């Protein structure tokens, strides 16, 4: 189930699920590169799709309320009180 940390249970299975943005685009780009013997001119569409995805991710910024943020906050509350 989960590991017990004080009175709080932490499920390690939920911690390993992470989204990997642009992963699909990167795989398509790399497979096309290999298919065409690493010739950039033949994979322009895939390269454009990967760059577009990466630009969108850069504009979104980083999500601040991660699990580590909450665990650190709860840990401080448990120590203080």
PDB file of N, CA and C in Angstrom:
ATOM      1  N   UNK A   1       0.824  -1.195   0.000  1.00  0.00           N
ATOM      2  CA  UNK A   1       0.000   0.000   0.000  1.00  0.00           C
ATOM      3  C   UNK A   1       0.864   1.251   0.000  1.00  0.00           C
ATOM      4  N   UNK A   2       1.212   1.696   1.193  1.00  0.00           N
ATOM      5  CA  UNK A   2       2.013   2.897   1.298  1.00  0.00           C
ATOM      6  C   UNK A   2       2.964   2.789   2.465  1.00  0.00           C
ATOM      7  N   UNK A   3       3.903   3.656   2.501  1.00  0.00           N
ATOM      8  CA  UNK A   3       4.847   3.664   3.609  1.00  0.00           C
ATOM      9  C   UNK A   3       4.371   4.665   4.637  1.00  0.00           C
ATOM     10  N   UNK A   4       4.583   4.331   5.893  1.00  0.00           N
ATOM     11  CA  UNK A   4       4.101   5.189   6.956  1.00  0.00           C
ATOM     12  C   UNK A   4       5.217   6.128   7.390  1.00  0.00           C
ATOM     13  N   UNK A   5       4.951   7.413   7.356  1.00  0.00           N
ATOM     14  CA  UNK A   5       5.898   8.431   7.801  1.00  0.00           C
ATOM     15  C   UNK A   5       5.211   9.220   8.905  1.00  0.00           C
ATOM     16  N   UNK A   6       5.432   8.818  10.149  1.00  0.00           N
ATOM     17  CA  UNK A   6       4.702   9.440  11.243  1.00  0.00           C
ATOM     18  C   UNK A   6       3.265   8.965  11.189  1.00  0.00           C
ATOM     19  N   UNK A   7       2.340   9.872  11.068  1.00  0.00           N
ATOM     20  CA  UNK A   7       0.926   9.512  10.942  1.00  0.00           C
ATOM     21  C   UNK A   7       0.442   9.661   9.504  1.00  0.00           C
ATOM     22  N   UNK A   8       1.332  10.034   8.608  1.00  0.00           N
ATOM     23  CA  UNK A   8       0.962  10.276   7.223  1.00  0.00           C
ATOM     24  C   UNK A   8       1.427   9.109   6.361  1.00  0.00           C
ATOM     25  N   UNK A   9       0.592   8.674   5.430  1.00  0.00           N
ATOM     26  CA  UNK A   9       0.959   7.609   4.506  1.00  0.00           C
ATOM     27  C   UNK A   9       1.309   8.222   3.158  1.00  0.00           C
ATOM     28  N   UNK A  10       2.403   7.735   2.584  1.00  0.00           N
ATOM     29  CA  UNK A  10       2.857   8.202   1.284  1.00  0.00           C
ATOM     30  C   UNK A  10       2.828   7.022   0.330  1.00  0.00           C
ATOM     31  N   UNK A  11       2.143   7.163  -0.790  1.00  0.00           N
ATOM     32  CA  UNK A  11       2.056   6.101  -1.780  1.00  0.00           C
ATOM     33  C   UNK A  11       3.143   6.321  -2.828  1.00  0.00           C
ATOM     34  N   UNK A  12       4.191   5.485  -2.845  1.00  0.00           N
ATOM     35  CA  UNK A  12       5.291   5.702  -3.793  1.00  0.00           C
ATOM     36  C   UNK A  12       4.893   5.483  -5.249  1.00  0.00           C
ATOM     37  N   UNK A  13       3.799   4.744  -5.512  1.00  0.00           N
ATOM     38  CA  UNK A  13       3.374   4.522  -6.889  1.00  0.00           C
ATOM     39  C   UNK A  13       2.936   5.834  -7.536  1.00  0.00           C
ATOM     40  N   UNK A  14       2.271   6.705  -6.780  1.00  0.00           N
ATOM     41  CA  UNK A  14       1.820   7.973  -7.329  1.00  0.00           C
ATOM     42  C   UNK A  14       2.973   8.924  -7.599  1.00  0.00           C
ATOM     43  N   UNK A  15       4.072   8.761  -6.904  1.00  0.00           N
ATOM     44  CA  UNK A  15       5.211   9.651  -7.082  1.00  0.00           C
ATOM     45  C   UNK A  15       5.954   9.383  -8.382  1.00  0.00           C
ATOM     46  N   UNK A  16       5.864   8.168  -8.904  1.00  0.00           N
ATOM     47  CA  UNK A  16       6.618   7.831 -10.103  1.00  0.00           C
ATOM     48  C   UNK A  16       5.905   8.235 -11.387  1.00  0.00           C
ATOM     49  N   UNK A  17       4.635   8.553 -11.320  1.00  0.00           N
ATOM     50  CA  UNK A  17       3.891   8.961 -12.513  1.00  0.00           C
ATOM     51  C   UNK A  17       4.197  10.416 -12.817  1.00  0.00           C
ATOM     52  N   UNK A  18       4.886  10.632 -13.895  1.00  0.00           N
ATOM     53  CA  UNK A  18       5.229  11.985 -14.307  1.00  0.00           C
ATOM     54  C   UNK A  18       4.876  12.134 -15.777  1.00  0.00           C
ATOM     55  N   UNK A  19       4.447  13.311 -16.110  1.00  0.00           N
ATOM     56  CA  UNK A  19       4.179  13.557 -17.515  1.00  0.00           C
ATOM     57  C   UNK A  19       5.487  13.954 -18.175  1.00  0.00           C
ATOM     58  N   UNK A  20       5.674  13.487 -19.367  1.00  0.00           N
ATOM     59  CA  UNK A  20       6.871  13.827 -20.115  1.00  0.00           C
ATOM     60  C   UNK A  20       6.439  14.596 -21.356  1.00  0.00           C
ATOM     61  N   UNK A  21       6.452  15.914 -21.271  1.00  0.00           N
ATOM     62  CA  UNK A  21       6.012  16.698 -22.413  1.00  0.00           C
ATOM     63  C   UNK A  21       6.952  16.521 -23.594  1.00  0.00           C
ATOM     64  N   UNK A  22       6.403  16.500 -24.764  1.00  0.00           N
ATOM     65  CA  UNK A  22       7.135  16.391 -26.034  1.00  0.00           C
ATOM     66  C   UNK A  22       7.837  15.050 -26.220  1.00  0.00           C
ATOM     67  N   UNK A  23       7.534  14.088 -25.401  1.00  0.00           N
ATOM     68  CA  UNK A  23       8.187  12.783 -25.516  1.00  0.00           C
ATOM     69  C   UNK A  23       7.806  12.096 -26.823  1.00  0.00           C
ATOM     70  N   UNK A  24       6.529  12.153 -27.166  1.00  0.00           N
ATOM     71  CA  UNK A  24       6.061  11.522 -28.404  1.00  0.00           C
ATOM     72  C   UNK A  24       6.709  12.173 -29.624  1.00  0.00           C
ATOM     73  N   UNK A  25       6.772  13.498 -29.630  1.00  0.00           N
ATOM     74  CA  UNK A  25       7.380  14.219 -30.743  1.00  0.00           C
ATOM     75  C   UNK A  25       8.862  13.893 -30.877  1.00  0.00           C
ATOM     76  N   UNK A  26       9.529  13.771 -29.725  1.00  0.00           N
ATOM     77  CA  UNK A  26      10.954  13.446 -29.748  1.00  0.00           C
ATOM     78  C   UNK A  26      11.189  12.041 -30.305  1.00  0.00           C
ATOM     79  N   UNK A  27      10.348  11.079 -29.903  1.00  0.00           N
ATOM     80  CA  UNK A  27      10.496   9.722 -30.416  1.00  0.00           C
ATOM     81  C   UNK A  27      10.270   9.658 -31.921  1.00  0.00           C
ATOM     82  N   UNK A  28       9.265  10.374 -32.391  1.00  0.00           N
ATOM     83  CA  UNK A  28       8.991  10.394 -33.832  1.00  0.00           C
ATOM     84  C   UNK A  28      10.167  11.016 -34.577  1.00  0.00           C
ATOM     85  N   UNK A  29      10.686  12.116 -34.059  1.00  0.00           N
ATOM     86  CA  UNK A  29      11.820  12.795 -34.693  1.00  0.00           C
ATOM     87  C   UNK A  29      13.041  11.886 -34.757  1.00  0.00           C
ATOM     88  N   UNK A  30      13.368  11.235 -33.646  1.00  0.00           N
ATOM     89  CA  UNK A  30      14.556  10.376 -33.623  1.00  0.00           C
ATOM     90  C   UNK A  30      14.398   9.148 -34.520  1.00  0.00           C
ATOM     91  N   UNK A  31      13.202   8.579 -34.549  1.00  0.00           N
ATOM     92  CA  UNK A  31      13.012   7.412 -35.417  1.00  0.00           C
ATOM     93  C   UNK A  31      13.100   7.801 -36.887  1.00  0.00           C
ATOM     94  N   UNK A  32      12.572   8.992 -37.240  1.00  0.00           N
ATOM     95  CA  UNK A  32      12.688   9.443 -38.634  1.00  0.00           C
ATOM     96  C   UNK A  32      14.137   9.761 -38.996  1.00  0.00           C
ATOM     97  N   UNK A  33      14.878  10.324 -38.051  1.00  0.00           N
ATOM     98  CA  UNK A  33      16.295  10.582 -38.307  1.00  0.00           C
ATOM     99  C   UNK A  33      17.033   9.289 -38.623  1.00  0.00           C
ATOM    100  N   UNK A  34      16.756   8.269 -37.826  1.00  0.00           N
ATOM    101  CA  UNK A  34      17.419   6.992 -38.050  1.00  0.00           C
ATOM    102  C   UNK A  34      16.972   6.374 -39.381  1.00  0.00           C
ATOM    103  N   UNK A  35      15.690   6.516 -39.688  1.00  0.00           N
ATOM    104  CA  UNK A  35      15.154   5.944 -40.928  1.00  0.00           C
ATOM    105  C   UNK A  35      15.808   6.558 -42.169  1.00  0.00           C
ATOM    106  N   UNK A  36      16.051   7.866 -42.126  1.00  0.00           N
ATOM    107  CA  UNK A  36      16.640   8.564 -43.265  1.00  0.00           C
ATOM    108  C   UNK A  36      18.145   8.791 -43.113  1.00  0.00           C
ATOM    109  N   UNK A  37      18.785   7.942 -42.294  1.00  0.00           N
ATOM    110  CA  UNK A  37      20.237   7.957 -42.139  1.00  0.00           C
ATOM    111  C   UNK A  37      20.754   9.325 -41.676  1.00  0.00           C
ATOM    112  N   UNK A  38      20.045   9.919 -40.711  1.00  0.00           N
ATOM    113  CA  UNK A  38      20.441  11.165 -40.044  1.00  0.00           C
ATOM    114  C   UNK A  38      20.581  12.345 -41.003  1.00  0.00           C
ATOM    115  N   UNK A  39      19.681  12.418 -41.951  1.00  0.00           N
ATOM    116  CA  UNK A  39      19.638  13.534 -42.898  1.00  0.00           C
ATOM    117  C   UNK A  39      18.559  14.511 -42.429  1.00  0.00           C
ATOM    118  N   UNK A  40      18.970  15.698 -41.964  1.00  0.00           N
ATOM    119  CA  UNK A  40      18.041  16.682 -41.410  1.00  0.00           C
ATOM    120  C   UNK A  40      17.047  17.213 -42.437  1.00  0.00           C
ATOM    121  N   UNK A  41      17.423  17.225 -43.679  1.00  0.00           N
ATOM    122  CA  UNK A  41      16.555  17.796 -44.711  1.00  0.00           C
ATOM    123  C   UNK A  41      15.283  16.976 -44.923  1.00  0.00           C
ATOM    124  N   UNK A  42      15.306  15.705 -44.601  1.00  0.00           N
ATOM    125  CA  UNK A  42      14.157  14.836 -44.848  1.00  0.00           C
ATOM    126  C   UNK A  42      13.195  14.753 -43.656  1.00  0.00           C
ATOM    127  N   UNK A  43      13.570  15.327 -42.530  1.00  0.00           N
ATOM    128  CA  UNK A  43      12.713  15.254 -41.341  1.00  0.00           C
ATOM    129  C   UNK A  43      12.320  16.653 -40.854  1.00  0.00           C
ATOM    130  N   UNK A  44      12.070  17.548 -41.782  1.00  0.00           N
ATOM    131  CA  UNK A  44      11.767  18.939 -41.446  1.00  0.00           C
ATOM    132  C   UNK A  44      10.452  19.046 -40.676  1.00  0.00           C
ATOM    133  N   UNK A  45       9.422  18.306 -41.104  1.00  0.00           N
ATOM    134  CA  UNK A  45       8.122  18.382 -40.437  1.00  0.00           C
ATOM    135  C   UNK A  45       8.200  17.898 -38.991  1.00  0.00           C
ATOM    136  N   UNK A  46       8.902  16.815 -38.757  1.00  0.00           N
ATOM    137  CA  UNK A  46       9.038  16.280 -37.408  1.00  0.00           C
ATOM    138  C   UNK A  46       9.855  17.222 -36.526  1.00  0.00           C
ATOM    139  N   UNK A  47      10.883  17.802 -37.111  1.00  0.00           N
ATOM    140  CA  UNK A  47      11.720  18.750 -36.376  1.00  0.00           C
ATOM    141  C   UNK A  47      10.904  19.986 -35.994  1.00  0.00           C
ATOM    142  N   UNK A  48      10.069  20.449 -36.905  1.00  0.00           N
ATOM    143  CA  UNK A  48       9.219  21.607 -36.637  1.00  0.00           C
ATOM    144  C   UNK A  48       8.210  21.299 -35.526  1.00  0.00           C
ATOM    145  N   UNK A  49       7.626  20.098 -35.551  1.00  0.00           N
ATOM    146  CA  UNK A  49       6.666  19.707 -34.518  1.00  0.00           C
ATOM    147  C   UNK A  49       7.334  19.636 -33.143  1.00  0.00           C
ATOM    148  N   UNK A  50       8.547  19.116 -33.091  1.00  0.00           N
ATOM    149  CA  UNK A  50       9.276  19.040 -31.825  1.00  0.00           C
ATOM    150  C   UNK A  50       9.630  20.431 -31.304  1.00  0.00           C
ATOM    151  N   UNK A  51      10.099  21.297 -32.181  1.00  0.00           N
ATOM    152  CA  UNK A  51      10.428  22.658 -31.760  1.00  0.00           C
ATOM    153  C   UNK A  51       9.197  23.410 -31.276  1.00  0.00           C
ATOM    154  N   UNK A  52       8.075  23.221 -31.952  1.00  0.00           N
ATOM    155  CA  UNK A  52       6.836  23.885 -31.557  1.00  0.00           C
ATOM    156  C   UNK A  52       6.389  23.416 -30.171  1.00  0.00           C
ATOM    157  N   UNK A  53       6.475  22.121 -29.925  1.00  0.00           N
ATOM    158  CA  UNK A  53       6.108  21.568 -28.625  1.00  0.00           C
ATOM    159  C   UNK A  53       7.022  22.104 -27.526  1.00  0.00           C
ATOM    160  N   UNK A  54       8.320  22.174 -27.807  1.00  0.00           N
ATOM    161  CA  UNK A  54       9.277  22.671 -26.815  1.00  0.00           C
ATOM    162  C   UNK A  54       9.039  24.150 -26.515  1.00  0.00           C
ATOM    163  N   UNK A  55       8.674  24.926 -27.525  1.00  0.00           N
ATOM    164  CA  UNK A  55       8.379  26.342 -27.299  1.00  0.00           C
ATOM    165  C   UNK A  55       7.130  26.505 -26.436  1.00  0.00           C
ATOM    166  N   UNK A  56       6.122  25.690 -26.672  1.00  0.00           N
ATOM    167  CA  UNK A  56       4.917  25.753 -25.849  1.00  0.00           C
ATOM    168  C   UNK A  56       5.213  25.392 -24.399  1.00  0.00           C
ATOM    169  N   UNK A  57       6.066  24.411 -24.180  1.00  0.00           N
ATOM    170  CA  UNK A  57       6.429  24.018 -22.823  1.00  0.00           C
ATOM    171  C   UNK A  57       7.213  25.126 -22.120  1.00  0.00           C
ATOM    172  N   UNK A  58       8.059  25.821 -22.846  1.00  0.00           N
ATOM    173  CA  UNK A  58       8.846  26.902 -22.255  1.00  0.00           C
ATOM    174  C   UNK A  58       7.943  28.066 -21.848  1.00  0.00           C
ATOM    175  N   UNK A  59       6.905  28.324 -22.625  1.00  0.00           N
ATOM    176  CA  UNK A  59       5.986  29.414 -22.310  1.00  0.00           C
ATOM    177  C   UNK A  59       5.122  29.103 -21.094  1.00  0.00           C
ATOM    178  N   UNK A  60       4.808  27.830 -20.880  1.00  0.00           N
ATOM    179  CA  UNK A  60       3.937  27.450 -19.773  1.00  0.00           C
ATOM    180  C   UNK A  60       4.610  27.646 -18.419  1.00  0.00           C
ATOM    181  N   UNK A  61       5.898  27.497 -18.349  1.00  0.00           N
ATOM    182  CA  UNK A  61       6.597  27.640 -17.086  1.00  0.00           C
ATOM    183  C   UNK A  61       6.492  26.388 -16.241  1.00  0.00           C
ATOM    184  N   UNK A  62       7.083  26.453 -15.070  1.00  0.00           N
ATOM    185  CA  UNK A  62       7.128  25.301 -14.192  1.00  0.00           C
ATOM    186  C   UNK A  62       5.967  25.352 -13.207  1.00  0.00           C
ATOM    187  N   UNK A  63       5.399  24.190 -12.929  1.00  0.00           N
ATOM    188  CA  UNK A  63       4.336  24.101 -11.954  1.00  0.00           C
ATOM    189  C   UNK A  63       4.965  24.141 -10.563  1.00  0.00           C
ATOM    190  N   UNK A  64       4.494  25.030  -9.709  1.00  0.00           N
ATOM    191  CA  UNK A  64       5.148  25.259  -8.431  1.00  0.00           C
ATOM    192  C   UNK A  64       4.684  24.315  -7.326  1.00  0.00           C
ATOM    193  N   UNK A  65       3.448  23.898  -7.314  1.00  0.00           N
ATOM    194  CA  UNK A  65       2.942  23.066  -6.241  1.00  0.00           C
ATOM    195  C   UNK A  65       3.173  21.591  -6.534  1.00  0.00           C
ATOM    196  N   UNK A  66       4.406  21.157  -6.395  1.00  0.00           N
ATOM    197  CA  UNK A  66       4.749  19.766  -6.631  1.00  0.00           C
ATOM    198  C   UNK A  66       4.614  18.986  -5.331  1.00  0.00           C
ATOM    199  N   UNK A  67       4.738  17.681  -5.439  1.00  0.00           N
ATOM    200  CA  UNK A  67       4.628  16.825  -4.262  1.00  0.00           C
ATOM    201  C   UNK A  67       5.751  17.122  -3.269  1.00  0.00           C
ATOM    202  N   UNK A  68       6.951  17.439  -3.771  1.00  0.00           N
ATOM    203  CA  UNK A  68       8.052  17.760  -2.864  1.00  0.00           C
ATOM    204  C   UNK A  68       7.773  19.031  -2.080  1.00  0.00           C
ATOM    205  N   UNK A  69       7.156  20.020  -2.710  1.00  0.00           N
ATOM    206  CA  UNK A  69       6.796  21.257  -2.022  1.00  0.00           C
ATOM    207  C   UNK A  69       5.858  20.952  -0.865  1.00  0.00           C
ATOM    208  N   UNK A  70       4.841  20.136  -1.118  1.00  0.00           N
ATOM    209  CA  UNK A  70       3.861  19.831  -0.078  1.00  0.00           C
ATOM    210  C   UNK A  70       4.470  18.969   1.026  1.00  0.00           C
ATOM    211  N   UNK A  71       5.335  18.023   0.664  1.00  0.00           N
ATOM    212  CA  UNK A  71       5.978  17.193   1.684  1.00  0.00           C
ATOM    213  C   UNK A  71       6.886  18.019   2.585  1.00  0.00           C
ATOM    214  N   UNK A  72       7.611  18.968   2.019  1.00  0.00           N
ATOM    215  CA  UNK A  72       8.456  19.831   2.833  1.00  0.00           C
ATOM    216  C   UNK A  72       7.618  20.714   3.750  1.00  0.00           C
ATOM    217  N   UNK A  73       6.509  21.217   3.230  1.00  0.00           N
ATOM    218  CA  UNK A  73       5.631  22.078   4.027  1.00  0.00           C
ATOM    219  C   UNK A  73       5.013  21.300   5.182  1.00  0.00           C
ATOM    220  N   UNK A  74       4.549  20.083   4.919  1.00  0.00           N
ATOM    221  CA  UNK A  74       3.946  19.260   5.968  1.00  0.00           C
ATOM    222  C   UNK A  74       4.995  18.841   6.985  1.00  0.00           C
ATOM    223  N   UNK A  75       6.205  18.545   6.516  1.00  0.00           N
ATOM    224  CA  UNK A  75       7.287  18.173   7.421  1.00  0.00           C
ATOM    225  C   UNK A  75       7.605  19.303   8.402  1.00  0.00           C
ATOM    226  N   UNK A  76       7.640  20.542   7.915  1.00  0.00           N
ATOM    227  CA  UNK A  76       7.884  21.678   8.796  1.00  0.00           C
ATOM    228  C   UNK A  76       6.751  21.845   9.795  1.00  0.00           C
ATOM    229  N   UNK A  77       5.518  21.600   9.369  1.00  0.00           N
ATOM    230  CA  UNK A  77       4.388  21.725  10.277  1.00  0.00           C
ATOM    231  C   UNK A  77       4.441  20.663  11.361  1.00  0.00           C
ATOM    232  N   UNK A  78       4.868  19.441  10.994  1.00  0.00           N
ATOM    233  CA  UNK A  78       4.938  18.357  11.970  1.00  0.00           C
ATOM    234  C   UNK A  78       6.053  18.599  12.981  1.00  0.00           C
ATOM    235  N   UNK A  79       7.179  19.140  12.545  1.00  0.00           N
ATOM    236  CA  UNK A  79       8.294  19.416  13.451  1.00  0.00           C
ATOM    237  C   UNK A  79       7.975  20.569  14.402  1.00  0.00           C
ATOM    238  N   UNK A  80       7.294  21.567  13.870  1.00  0.00           N
ATOM    239  CA  UNK A  80       7.008  22.763  14.665  1.00  0.00           C
ATOM    240  C   UNK A  80       5.923  22.563  15.692  1.00  0.00           C
ATOM    241  N   UNK A  81       5.012  21.669  15.457  1.00  0.00           N
ATOM    242  CA  UNK A  81       3.855  21.568  16.355  1.00  0.00           C
ATOM    243  C   UNK A  81       3.712  20.249  16.876  1.00  0.00           C
TER     244      UNK A  81
END
